[in-house]
Amino acid sequence: MTTLRFVLGDQLTRSLAALNDIAAGDIVLMVEVADETTYVKHHKQKIAFILSAMRHFADEFRDENIHVDYVKLDDPGNTGSFSGELQRALKRHKASRVVVTSPGEWRVLADMTTWQATLGIPVDIRDDDRFFATPQRFADWAASRKSLRMEFFYREMRRESDLLMQGDDPVGGQWNFDSDNRKRLPKSLQLPQRFGYEPDAITQDVLALVATRFADHFGDLAPFDWAVTRSDALRALQEFLDRALPSFGDYQDAMATGEPFVFHAVISPYLNAGLLTPREICVAAEREYIEKRAPLNAVEGFIRQILGWREYIRGIYWLKMPDYAETNALNAVRSLPWLYWSGETKMHCMAEAIGQTKRTAYSHHIQRLMVTGNFALLAGIVPKQVAEWYLVVYADAYDWVELPNVHGMSQFADGGLLASKPYASSGAYIDRMSDFCKDCAYDVKVKSGPTACPFNYLYWAFLIRNAKTLRGNVRMAMPYRTLAGWDEPRKAAITAEAERFLDGLAVE
């Protein structure tokens, strides 16, 4: 009785549910398939990271004398799909059943749930227990609430996990220290450098494959210095704890030219692929506070990103899919401008954010939300196109985490299910939280005209265009009070200026 233990590319965790009762004679199946590398044209570094991490993970099984059936992307006969490779493996091994962990993406689960009927053998799909909350746990919480705000779910997760708690109360007397975490970077502050890893022979083989097979995909392949093993991912986590966590809280919203990482951990690719687990990360961060090596505002802010936001986003995804992907509450109709792919624009903030994304397959959350995301929101770009761009360009992007962040948080496409207001701003926010504006061809202090920062007039045009939908939002009351004092010619002039600018952007 041979059992196939099917492990996907974002399930690189030794304690994975599908592996927790592995027995002698079982076979671990891992496959690299074209479907997963090209359903969108992922960043070259993302593909290289996942394939190299998969190959290293397979070697760990071999070191334990566990039988691994590993199908490489360029193996002869590779069918290019999960289903096709599973069928081939069953024929090779005459297996009697398949054990797999539930995937992170809706489209993969839809395929997976057909396997038992099409293959004619038992397929055991196990819950992914690497998270703090199951989808059902989130659904139970959501069913009893009129408003699905992350903050209240986060508090329940704190109580259940006992992280940063003193009995029933939060350490420090408050749940959230976000108001302390909005400082601009001082000019004299020394920033930590990200700890990189030299590609070994396995990674070099993958890089050569990616360079040849995916030459037309977005992004630079070199330099490639991601960790591709659990041991190196743990080193990256420790580097963050030692060098950056103490200042993470104060400056987590700050941006600077030529500094793509600032005090951020840059471990999300490892976490989302399974090389690190959320609980071990949160426990390690909590220990830094307990041992007085990092302040509470930094540790709470970091833990909230994982225990609160990440868990909440996953809950929203499984609660609302597949319809959630079609949401477009603001009726955005413009196509994604070519500048998102080229990075060629006179807007320094956009050039900086997109340029570093091309080079590193990463940007931190404020660049994603308040630069590239904010521009797409103000411009009225179709949310599905924005979501696909985010899925393409980032090494940590998977549908379950990327889609709610884009549709809900960034583009307000779900009409306020996730966010209480659109995260829209003029150039003033970018100026306040970065040094981008001082080297820009546009003047952030100018509101209209050829030298004006486009974010300024795009912001007001956005409010005018969406007034019917947004005017009643209490959190938008202040800008709409300002608009109420404008006469129609002034509104028309701002709208026309915004339209001229957007019409002038190439879309292909």
Protein backbone atom coordinates (compact mmCIF):
# COMPACT_ATOMS: atom_id res chain seq x y z
CA MET A 1 0.00 0.00 0.00
CA THR A 2 1.99 2.99 -1.30
CA THR A 3 0.96 6.50 -0.28
CA LEU A 4 1.93 9.54 -2.31
CA ARG A 5 2.55 12.62 -0.17
CA PHE A 6 2.07 15.52 -2.61
CA VAL A 7 3.89 18.70 -1.51
CA LEU A 8 3.30 21.98 -3.38
CA GLY A 9 5.84 24.73 -3.94
CA ASP A 10 4.53 27.00 -1.17
CA GLN A 11 4.32 24.14 1.35
CA LEU A 12 8.02 23.77 2.15
CA THR A 13 7.45 23.01 5.83
CA ARG A 14 8.62 19.76 7.42
CA SER A 15 5.68 19.77 9.86
CA LEU A 16 3.17 20.09 6.99
CA ALA A 17 -0.12 18.32 7.63
CA ALA A 18 0.39 16.01 4.66
CA LEU A 19 3.70 14.86 6.15
CA ASN A 20 2.96 14.54 9.83
CA ASP A 21 2.30 10.79 9.72
CA ILE A 22 4.66 9.83 6.91
CA ALA A 23 5.63 6.18 7.12
CA ALA A 24 8.25 3.86 5.67
CA GLY A 25 7.45 3.17 2.06
CA ASP A 26 5.61 6.44 1.47
CA ILE A 27 6.76 8.63 -1.42
CA VAL A 28 7.00 12.42 -1.34
CA LEU A 29 5.95 13.85 -4.72
CA MET A 30 7.15 17.31 -5.71
CA VAL A 31 6.67 18.77 -9.19
CA GLU A 32 7.70 21.89 -11.07
CA VAL A 33 5.00 22.60 -13.63
CA ALA A 34 4.56 25.16 -16.37
CA ASP A 35 1.01 26.00 -15.26
CA GLU A 36 2.30 27.47 -12.01
CA THR A 37 5.11 29.47 -13.57
CA THR A 38 3.04 31.05 -16.34
CA TYR A 39 -0.61 31.46 -15.25
CA VAL A 40 0.72 34.97 -14.76
CA LYS A 41 4.23 35.93 -15.92
CA HIS A 42 5.83 35.92 -12.48
CA HIS A 43 8.96 37.92 -11.69
CA LYS A 44 12.05 35.96 -12.68
CA GLN A 45 13.38 36.05 -9.11
CA LYS A 46 10.12 34.68 -7.73
CA ILE A 47 10.26 31.66 -10.04
CA ALA A 48 13.93 31.10 -9.25
CA PHE A 49 13.34 31.41 -5.51
CA ILE A 50 10.50 28.89 -5.47
CA LEU A 51 12.17 26.33 -7.74
CA SER A 52 15.47 26.50 -5.85
CA ALA A 53 13.74 26.28 -2.47
CA MET A 54 11.75 23.26 -3.70
CA ARG A 55 14.89 21.48 -4.87
CA HIS A 56 16.68 22.13 -1.59
CA PHE A 57 13.64 20.93 0.35
CA ALA A 58 13.60 17.70 -1.65
CA ASP A 59 17.26 17.14 -0.76
CA GLU A 60 16.37 17.39 2.92
CA PHE A 61 14.02 14.42 2.49
CA ARG A 62 16.73 12.48 0.72
CA ASP A 63 19.07 13.19 3.62
CA GLU A 64 16.46 11.49 5.83
CA ASN A 65 16.31 8.52 3.45
CA ILE A 66 12.76 9.40 2.48
CA HIS A 67 11.86 8.47 -1.08
CA VAL A 68 11.29 11.62 -3.14
CA ASP A 69 9.84 11.63 -6.63
CA TYR A 70 10.87 15.05 -7.96
CA VAL A 71 9.85 16.23 -11.42
CA LYS A 72 11.84 19.17 -12.78
CA LEU A 73 10.37 21.74 -15.12
CA ASP A 74 12.50 20.58 -18.05
CA ASP A 75 12.14 16.84 -17.44
CA PRO A 76 11.04 14.92 -20.55
CA GLY A 77 7.35 14.08 -20.42
CA ASN A 78 6.47 16.80 -17.88
CA THR A 79 2.78 17.50 -18.55
CA GLY A 80 2.94 21.01 -17.13
CA SER A 81 0.09 20.59 -14.61
CA PHE A 82 -0.46 19.28 -11.09
CA SER A 83 -3.15 16.87 -12.28
CA GLY A 84 -1.06 15.53 -15.12
CA GLU A 85 2.01 14.96 -12.98
CA LEU A 86 -0.04 13.32 -10.24
CA GLN A 87 -1.51 10.89 -12.77
CA ARG A 88 1.97 10.05 -14.10
CA ALA A 89 3.31 9.49 -10.57
CA LEU A 90 0.44 7.17 -9.69
CA LYS A 91 1.27 5.04 -12.71
CA ARG A 92 4.98 4.98 -11.80
CA HIS A 93 4.43 3.95 -8.21
CA LYS A 94 1.06 2.17 -8.35
CA ALA A 95 0.07 4.16 -5.27
CA SER A 96 -3.15 3.38 -3.45
CA ARG A 97 -3.89 6.86 -2.09
CA VAL A 98 -2.77 10.49 -2.14
CA VAL A 99 -2.29 12.76 0.85
CA VAL A 100 -2.02 16.50 0.26
CA THR A 101 -2.36 19.70 2.25
CA SER A 102 -5.07 22.15 1.22
CA PRO A 103 -3.57 24.77 -1.11
CA GLY A 104 -3.46 28.51 -0.61
CA GLU A 105 -5.21 29.42 -3.86
CA TRP A 106 -8.80 28.95 -4.90
CA ARG A 107 -8.00 27.85 -8.45
CA VAL A 108 -5.72 25.06 -7.17
CA LEU A 109 -8.29 23.84 -4.65
CA ALA A 110 -10.96 23.74 -7.38
CA ASP A 111 -8.68 21.41 -9.34
CA MET A 112 -7.63 19.38 -6.31
CA THR A 113 -11.20 18.57 -5.26
CA THR A 114 -11.70 16.75 -8.58
CA TRP A 115 -8.72 14.42 -8.14
CA GLN A 116 -10.42 11.65 -6.20
CA ALA A 117 -13.15 11.24 -8.82
CA THR A 118 -10.82 11.48 -11.80
CA LEU A 119 -8.06 9.30 -10.36
CA GLY A 120 -10.29 6.70 -8.80
CA ILE A 121 -8.34 6.45 -5.54
CA PRO A 122 -8.71 8.16 -2.15
CA VAL A 123 -7.33 11.70 -1.97
CA ASP A 124 -6.94 12.99 1.59
CA ILE A 125 -6.96 16.83 1.50
CA ARG A 126 -5.84 18.01 4.93
CA ASP A 127 -6.32 21.45 6.47
CA ASP A 128 -3.26 23.67 6.37
CA ASP A 129 -2.49 23.99 10.08
CA ARG A 130 0.50 26.30 9.67
CA PHE A 131 -1.75 29.31 10.37
CA PHE A 132 -3.12 30.51 13.69
CA ALA A 133 -6.73 30.36 12.47
CA THR A 134 -8.50 27.98 10.11
CA PRO A 135 -10.82 29.39 7.45
CA GLN A 136 -13.70 27.97 9.49
CA ARG A 137 -12.48 29.76 12.62
CA PHE A 138 -12.52 33.03 10.70
CA ALA A 139 -15.93 32.29 9.18
CA ASP A 140 -17.36 31.65 12.65
CA TRP A 141 -15.99 34.99 13.84
CA ALA A 142 -17.30 36.81 10.75
CA ALA A 143 -20.78 35.28 11.01
CA SER A 144 -21.45 37.03 14.31
CA ARG A 145 -20.32 40.49 13.21
CA LYS A 146 -21.78 43.31 11.12
CA SER A 147 -18.36 44.84 10.52
CA LEU A 148 -15.32 42.72 9.63
CA ARG A 149 -12.57 45.00 10.91
CA MET A 150 -9.14 43.46 11.37
CA GLU A 151 -8.52 45.08 14.76
CA PHE A 152 -11.19 43.04 16.53
CA PHE A 153 -10.10 39.76 14.95
CA TYR A 154 -6.52 40.59 15.91
CA ARG A 155 -7.51 40.96 19.55
CA GLU A 156 -9.07 37.50 19.52
CA MET A 157 -5.92 36.09 17.95
CA ARG A 158 -3.83 37.72 20.68
CA ARG A 159 -5.98 36.10 23.38
CA GLU A 160 -5.94 32.69 21.72
CA SER A 161 -2.20 32.72 21.01
CA ASP A 162 -1.26 34.36 24.33
CA LEU A 163 1.25 36.54 22.49
CA LEU A 164 2.06 39.85 24.23
CA MET A 165 -0.58 39.17 26.87
CA GLN A 166 -0.74 39.52 30.65
CA GLY A 167 -3.64 37.32 31.57
CA ASP A 168 -6.64 38.69 29.69
CA ASP A 169 -5.03 42.07 29.05
CA PRO A 170 -2.53 43.20 26.42
CA VAL A 171 1.02 43.92 27.53
CA GLY A 172 1.45 47.67 27.88
CA GLY A 173 -2.26 48.29 28.45
CA GLN A 174 -3.26 48.73 24.81
CA TRP A 175 -3.73 46.43 21.83
CA ASN A 176 -2.25 48.56 19.10
CA PHE A 177 0.71 50.96 19.03
CA ASP A 178 0.26 52.03 15.42
CA SER A 179 0.09 55.71 16.33
CA ASP A 180 3.72 55.46 17.51
CA ASN A 181 4.86 53.92 14.23
CA ARG A 182 4.66 56.78 11.73
CA LYS A 183 7.97 58.59 11.96
CA ARG A 184 9.93 59.95 9.02
CA LEU A 185 13.52 58.75 8.67
CA PRO A 186 16.07 61.18 10.13
CA LYS A 187 18.81 62.03 7.65
CA SER A 188 21.55 60.83 9.98
CA LEU A 189 20.01 57.44 10.82
CA GLN A 190 22.11 54.45 9.78
CA LEU A 191 20.00 51.81 8.03
CA PRO A 192 20.74 48.08 8.26
CA GLN A 193 21.75 46.17 5.15
CA ARG A 194 19.82 43.07 4.16
CA PHE A 195 21.75 39.86 4.66
CA GLY A 196 22.14 38.11 1.27
CA TYR A 197 23.12 34.59 0.24
CA GLU A 198 25.44 33.46 -2.55
CA PRO A 199 23.72 31.08 -4.98
CA ASP A 200 24.98 27.50 -4.58
CA ALA A 201 25.17 24.95 -7.40
CA ILE A 202 21.46 24.08 -7.16
CA THR A 203 20.43 27.72 -7.32
CA GLN A 204 22.83 28.42 -10.17
CA ASP A 205 21.22 25.62 -12.20
CA VAL A 206 17.79 27.13 -11.52
CA LEU A 207 18.98 30.61 -12.47
CA ALA A 208 20.26 29.30 -15.78
CA LEU A 209 16.91 27.58 -16.42
CA VAL A 210 14.93 30.72 -15.57
CA ALA A 211 17.17 32.96 -17.68
CA THR A 212 16.54 30.76 -20.70
CA ARG A 213 12.92 29.75 -20.24
CA PHE A 214 11.48 32.95 -18.79
CA ALA A 215 13.50 35.63 -20.52
CA ASP A 216 10.37 37.63 -21.36
CA HIS A 217 9.10 37.73 -17.77
CA PHE A 218 9.18 40.86 -15.63
CA GLY A 219 12.17 41.81 -13.52
CA ASP A 220 15.90 41.35 -13.18
CA LEU A 221 17.29 37.93 -12.33
CA ALA A 222 20.60 39.18 -10.96
CA PRO A 223 21.71 39.82 -8.39
CA PHE A 224 19.86 36.90 -6.75
CA ASP A 225 20.59 36.60 -3.04
CA TRP A 226 17.42 35.12 -1.49
CA ALA A 227 17.64 32.39 1.13
CA VAL A 228 16.44 29.11 -0.36
CA THR A 229 16.73 26.79 2.65
CA ARG A 230 15.11 26.80 6.06
CA SER A 231 18.45 27.21 7.80
CA ASP A 232 19.25 30.34 5.80
CA ALA A 233 15.70 31.67 6.24
CA LEU A 234 16.18 31.30 10.00
CA ARG A 235 19.44 33.26 9.68
CA ALA A 236 17.55 36.00 7.82
CA LEU A 237 14.98 36.12 10.61
CA GLN A 238 17.71 36.42 13.23
CA GLU A 239 19.43 39.17 11.26
CA PHE A 240 16.16 41.12 11.29
CA LEU A 241 15.66 40.60 15.02
CA ASP A 242 19.21 41.72 15.78
CA ARG A 243 19.64 44.59 13.33
CA ALA A 244 16.25 46.00 12.42
CA LEU A 245 13.40 45.05 14.77
CA PRO A 246 14.25 47.64 17.46
CA SER A 247 13.62 50.47 14.97
CA PHE A 248 10.97 48.71 12.85
CA GLY A 249 8.06 50.20 14.76
CA ASP A 250 9.12 53.84 14.58
CA TYR A 251 9.96 53.76 10.86
CA GLN A 252 7.79 51.02 9.35
CA ASP A 253 5.90 53.60 7.24
CA ALA A 254 9.02 55.50 6.12
CA MET A 255 10.45 55.46 2.59
CA ALA A 256 13.78 56.63 1.21
CA THR A 257 15.47 56.84 -2.18
CA GLY A 258 17.80 53.91 -2.77
CA GLU A 259 16.63 52.12 0.40
CA PRO A 260 14.11 49.45 -0.56
CA PHE A 261 14.19 47.62 2.79
CA VAL A 262 14.67 50.28 5.52
CA PHE A 263 13.95 48.37 8.79
CA HIS A 264 11.63 45.77 7.27
CA ALA A 265 12.24 42.06 7.78
CA VAL A 266 12.12 41.00 4.11
CA ILE A 267 11.14 37.49 5.25
CA SER A 268 7.65 37.38 3.72
CA PRO A 269 8.80 35.19 0.77
CA TYR A 270 10.15 32.64 3.27
CA LEU A 271 7.02 32.77 5.38
CA ASN A 272 4.61 32.44 2.46
CA ALA A 273 6.59 29.56 0.93
CA GLY A 274 6.75 27.70 4.25
CA LEU A 275 10.46 27.95 5.08
CA LEU A 276 9.41 29.84 8.21
CA THR A 277 6.20 29.48 10.19
CA PRO A 278 4.11 32.33 11.60
CA ARG A 279 4.13 31.07 15.16
CA GLU A 280 7.90 30.72 15.40
CA ILE A 281 8.36 34.20 13.95
CA CYS A 282 5.92 35.79 16.40
CA VAL A 283 7.38 33.92 19.38
CA ALA A 284 10.88 35.01 18.37
CA ALA A 285 9.78 38.64 18.12
CA GLU A 286 7.98 38.48 21.45
CA ARG A 287 11.16 37.15 23.03
CA GLU A 288 13.01 40.27 21.88
CA TYR A 289 10.59 42.37 23.92
CA ILE A 290 10.70 40.08 26.94
CA GLU A 291 14.51 40.17 26.91
CA LYS A 292 14.39 43.98 26.55
CA ARG A 293 16.17 44.01 23.19
CA ALA A 294 13.31 45.65 21.29
CA PRO A 295 10.60 48.13 22.36
CA LEU A 296 6.95 47.18 22.60
CA ASN A 297 5.76 49.41 19.77
CA ALA A 298 8.16 47.66 17.36
CA VAL A 299 7.36 44.14 18.50
CA GLU A 300 3.60 44.68 18.63
CA GLY A 301 3.63 46.33 15.21
CA PHE A 302 5.57 43.45 13.71
CA ILE A 303 3.47 40.72 15.34
CA ARG A 304 0.29 42.51 14.23
CA GLN A 305 1.38 42.17 10.59
CA ILE A 306 1.50 38.38 10.96
CA LEU A 307 -0.90 37.40 13.74
CA GLY A 308 -3.41 40.09 12.81
CA TRP A 309 -3.23 41.21 9.22
CA ARG A 310 -1.93 38.06 7.52
CA GLU A 311 -4.45 35.81 9.29
CA TYR A 312 -7.27 38.26 8.64
CA ILE A 313 -6.46 38.58 4.93
CA ARG A 314 -6.44 34.81 4.55
CA GLY A 315 -9.80 34.61 6.32
CA ILE A 316 -11.33 37.20 3.98
CA TYR A 317 -9.99 35.33 0.95
CA TRP A 318 -11.55 31.98 1.83
CA LEU A 319 -14.74 33.58 3.12
CA LYS A 320 -15.44 35.60 -0.04
CA MET A 321 -13.88 33.75 -2.98
CA PRO A 322 -14.43 33.26 -5.85
CA ASP A 323 -16.72 36.28 -6.26
CA TYR A 324 -14.30 38.55 -4.41
CA ALA A 325 -11.92 38.59 -7.39
CA GLU A 326 -14.59 40.27 -9.53
CA THR A 327 -15.32 43.19 -7.21
CA ASN A 328 -15.02 46.74 -8.62
CA ALA A 329 -17.06 48.94 -6.28
CA LEU A 330 -15.71 52.20 -7.69
CA ASN A 331 -16.30 51.15 -11.30
CA ALA A 332 -12.67 51.72 -12.28
CA VAL A 333 -12.22 51.32 -16.04
CA ARG A 334 -8.74 52.49 -17.07
CA SER A 335 -6.09 50.05 -18.23
CA LEU A 336 -2.86 49.61 -16.30
CA PRO A 337 -0.29 52.11 -17.68
CA TRP A 338 2.91 50.78 -19.21
CA LEU A 339 4.94 52.63 -16.60
CA TYR A 340 4.06 49.87 -14.12
CA TRP A 341 6.14 47.50 -16.24
CA SER A 342 8.85 49.87 -17.43
CA GLY A 343 9.30 52.05 -14.36
CA GLU A 344 9.83 54.93 -16.77
CA THR A 345 8.10 58.00 -15.39
CA LYS A 346 9.03 61.48 -14.19
CA MET A 347 7.20 60.77 -10.91
CA HIS A 348 10.19 59.96 -8.71
CA CYS A 349 8.20 58.01 -6.12
CA MET A 350 6.72 55.70 -8.76
CA ALA A 351 10.04 55.25 -10.56
CA GLU A 352 11.72 54.41 -7.25
CA ALA A 353 9.08 51.90 -6.11
CA ILE A 354 8.77 50.15 -9.48
CA GLY A 355 12.50 50.24 -10.19
CA GLN A 356 13.39 48.51 -6.94
CA THR A 357 10.60 46.00 -7.54
CA LYS A 358 12.16 45.12 -10.90
CA ARG A 359 15.57 44.72 -9.25
CA THR A 360 14.56 42.85 -6.08
CA ALA A 361 11.02 41.41 -6.50
CA TYR A 362 10.18 43.26 -3.27
CA SER A 363 8.93 46.54 -1.87
CA HIS A 364 7.61 47.15 1.61
CA HIS A 365 3.96 47.65 2.48
CA ILE A 366 3.83 51.45 2.40
CA GLN A 367 5.37 51.59 -1.06
CA ARG A 368 2.79 49.05 -2.21
CA LEU A 369 -0.13 50.80 -0.54
CA MET A 370 0.64 54.51 -0.74
CA VAL A 371 2.73 54.79 -3.91
CA THR A 372 1.92 52.18 -6.57
CA GLY A 373 -1.43 51.27 -5.02
CA ASN A 374 -2.44 54.85 -4.35
CA PHE A 375 -1.65 55.88 -7.92
CA ALA A 376 -3.72 53.00 -9.34
CA LEU A 377 -6.62 53.93 -7.06
CA LEU A 378 -6.54 57.63 -7.99
CA ALA A 379 -6.17 56.80 -11.69
CA GLY A 380 -9.17 54.45 -11.65
CA ILE A 381 -7.34 51.39 -12.97
CA VAL A 382 -9.34 48.16 -13.29
CA PRO A 383 -8.78 46.28 -10.00
CA LYS A 384 -8.21 42.91 -11.70
CA GLN A 385 -5.33 44.41 -13.69
CA VAL A 386 -3.84 45.94 -10.56
CA ALA A 387 -4.17 42.62 -8.72
CA GLU A 388 -2.47 40.74 -11.53
CA TRP A 389 0.43 43.20 -11.50
CA TYR A 390 0.97 42.68 -7.78
CA LEU A 391 0.79 38.91 -8.26
CA VAL A 392 3.41 39.11 -11.02
CA VAL A 393 6.01 41.38 -9.50
CA TYR A 394 6.53 40.31 -5.87
CA ALA A 395 8.38 37.25 -4.58
CA ASP A 396 5.94 36.91 -1.67
CA ALA A 397 2.75 37.22 -3.75
CA TYR A 398 0.21 34.40 -3.73
CA ASP A 399 -3.43 34.85 -4.61
CA TRP A 400 -4.72 34.33 -1.05
CA VAL A 401 -2.59 37.12 0.40
CA GLU A 402 -2.29 39.45 -2.59
CA LEU A 403 -5.89 39.61 -3.79
CA PRO A 404 -7.60 40.89 -0.59
CA ASN A 405 -4.75 43.31 0.00
CA VAL A 406 -5.22 44.80 -3.48
CA HIS A 407 -9.01 44.64 -3.88
CA GLY A 408 -9.82 45.55 -0.29
CA MET A 409 -6.99 47.57 1.22
CA SER A 410 -5.42 49.20 -1.82
CA GLN A 411 -8.18 49.68 -4.40
CA PHE A 412 -11.33 49.73 -2.22
CA ALA A 413 -12.83 47.43 -4.87
CA ASP A 414 -14.84 45.51 -2.27
CA GLY A 415 -16.73 48.68 -1.30
CA GLY A 416 -15.44 48.82 2.27
CA LEU A 417 -15.71 45.23 3.43
CA LEU A 418 -12.08 45.24 4.47
CA ALA A 419 -11.09 48.90 4.82
CA SER A 420 -13.19 51.62 6.43
CA LYS A 421 -12.12 54.16 3.77
CA PRO A 422 -10.06 54.30 0.57
CA TYR A 423 -6.33 54.69 1.16
CA ALA A 424 -6.15 57.69 -1.17
CA SER A 425 -3.85 60.62 -0.70
CA SER A 426 -2.30 63.54 -2.52
CA GLY A 427 1.45 64.00 -2.81
CA ALA A 428 1.53 65.43 0.71
CA TYR A 429 1.58 61.99 2.35
CA ILE A 430 4.46 60.79 0.18
CA ASP A 431 6.34 64.00 0.93
CA ARG A 432 5.76 63.57 4.66
CA MET A 433 6.96 59.95 4.79
CA SER A 434 9.83 60.00 2.29
CA ASP A 435 12.53 62.00 0.56
CA PHE A 436 11.13 61.18 -2.87
CA CYS A 437 9.65 64.59 -3.61
CA LYS A 438 12.85 66.61 -3.29
CA ASP A 439 14.37 64.97 -6.39
CA CYS A 440 11.18 64.83 -8.45
CA ALA A 441 10.54 66.62 -11.73
CA TYR A 442 7.19 67.69 -10.30
CA ASP A 443 6.58 70.04 -7.37
CA VAL A 444 4.59 68.49 -4.55
CA LYS A 445 3.63 71.95 -3.29
CA VAL A 446 1.96 72.88 -6.59
CA LYS A 447 -1.66 71.75 -6.93
CA SER A 448 -2.29 72.16 -10.64
CA GLY A 449 -0.52 72.98 -13.87
CA PRO A 450 2.37 71.34 -15.75
CA THR A 451 4.77 71.41 -12.79
CA ALA A 452 2.24 70.12 -10.24
CA CYS A 453 2.65 66.72 -8.62
CA PRO A 454 0.14 64.48 -10.45
CA PHE A 455 -0.94 62.91 -7.16
CA ASN A 456 -2.38 66.32 -6.16
CA TYR A 457 -4.89 66.81 -8.94
CA LEU A 458 -5.51 63.07 -9.32
CA TYR A 459 -6.56 62.96 -5.66
CA TRP A 460 -9.22 65.65 -6.05
CA ALA A 461 -10.39 64.24 -9.37
CA PHE A 462 -10.77 60.86 -7.64
CA LEU A 463 -12.97 62.41 -4.94
CA ILE A 464 -15.08 64.24 -7.51
CA ARG A 465 -15.48 61.14 -9.66
CA ASN A 466 -16.53 58.96 -6.74
CA ALA A 467 -18.52 61.51 -4.74
CA LYS A 468 -21.79 59.61 -5.01
CA THR A 469 -20.19 56.51 -3.48
CA LEU A 470 -17.83 58.07 -0.94
CA ARG A 471 -19.40 61.32 0.25
CA GLY A 472 -21.35 59.53 2.99
CA ASN A 473 -18.26 57.87 4.45
CA VAL A 474 -17.63 59.53 7.81
CA ARG A 475 -13.87 59.07 7.44
CA MET A 476 -13.99 61.06 4.19
CA ALA A 477 -15.93 63.95 5.68
CA MET A 478 -13.04 66.43 5.79
CA PRO A 479 -12.01 66.35 2.11
CA TYR A 480 -15.64 66.38 1.01
CA ARG A 481 -16.27 69.44 3.16
CA THR A 482 -13.42 71.09 1.26
CA LEU A 483 -14.91 70.03 -2.06
CA ALA A 484 -18.29 71.43 -1.05
CA GLY A 485 -16.73 74.90 -1.20
CA TRP A 486 -15.57 74.50 -4.80
CA ASP A 487 -17.66 75.79 -7.66
CA GLU A 488 -18.39 73.64 -10.70
CA PRO A 489 -15.85 75.32 -13.02
CA ARG A 490 -13.07 74.57 -10.55
CA LYS A 491 -14.14 70.92 -10.25
CA ALA A 492 -14.35 70.63 -14.02
CA ALA A 493 -10.87 72.09 -14.45
CA ILE A 494 -9.32 69.62 -11.97
CA THR A 495 -11.14 66.72 -13.59
CA ALA A 496 -10.00 67.79 -17.06
CA GLU A 497 -6.39 68.13 -15.92
CA ALA A 498 -6.44 64.65 -14.41
CA GLU A 499 -8.00 63.19 -17.55
CA ARG A 500 -5.40 64.81 -19.79
CA PHE A 501 -2.57 63.41 -17.71
CA LEU A 502 -4.02 59.90 -17.61
CA ASP A 503 -4.92 59.92 -21.29
CA GLY A 504 -1.29 60.71 -22.02
CA LEU A 505 -0.01 57.56 -20.33
CA ALA A 506 0.86 54.66 -22.63
CA VAL A 507 -0.91 51.41 -21.75
CA GLU A 508 1.12 48.90 -23.77
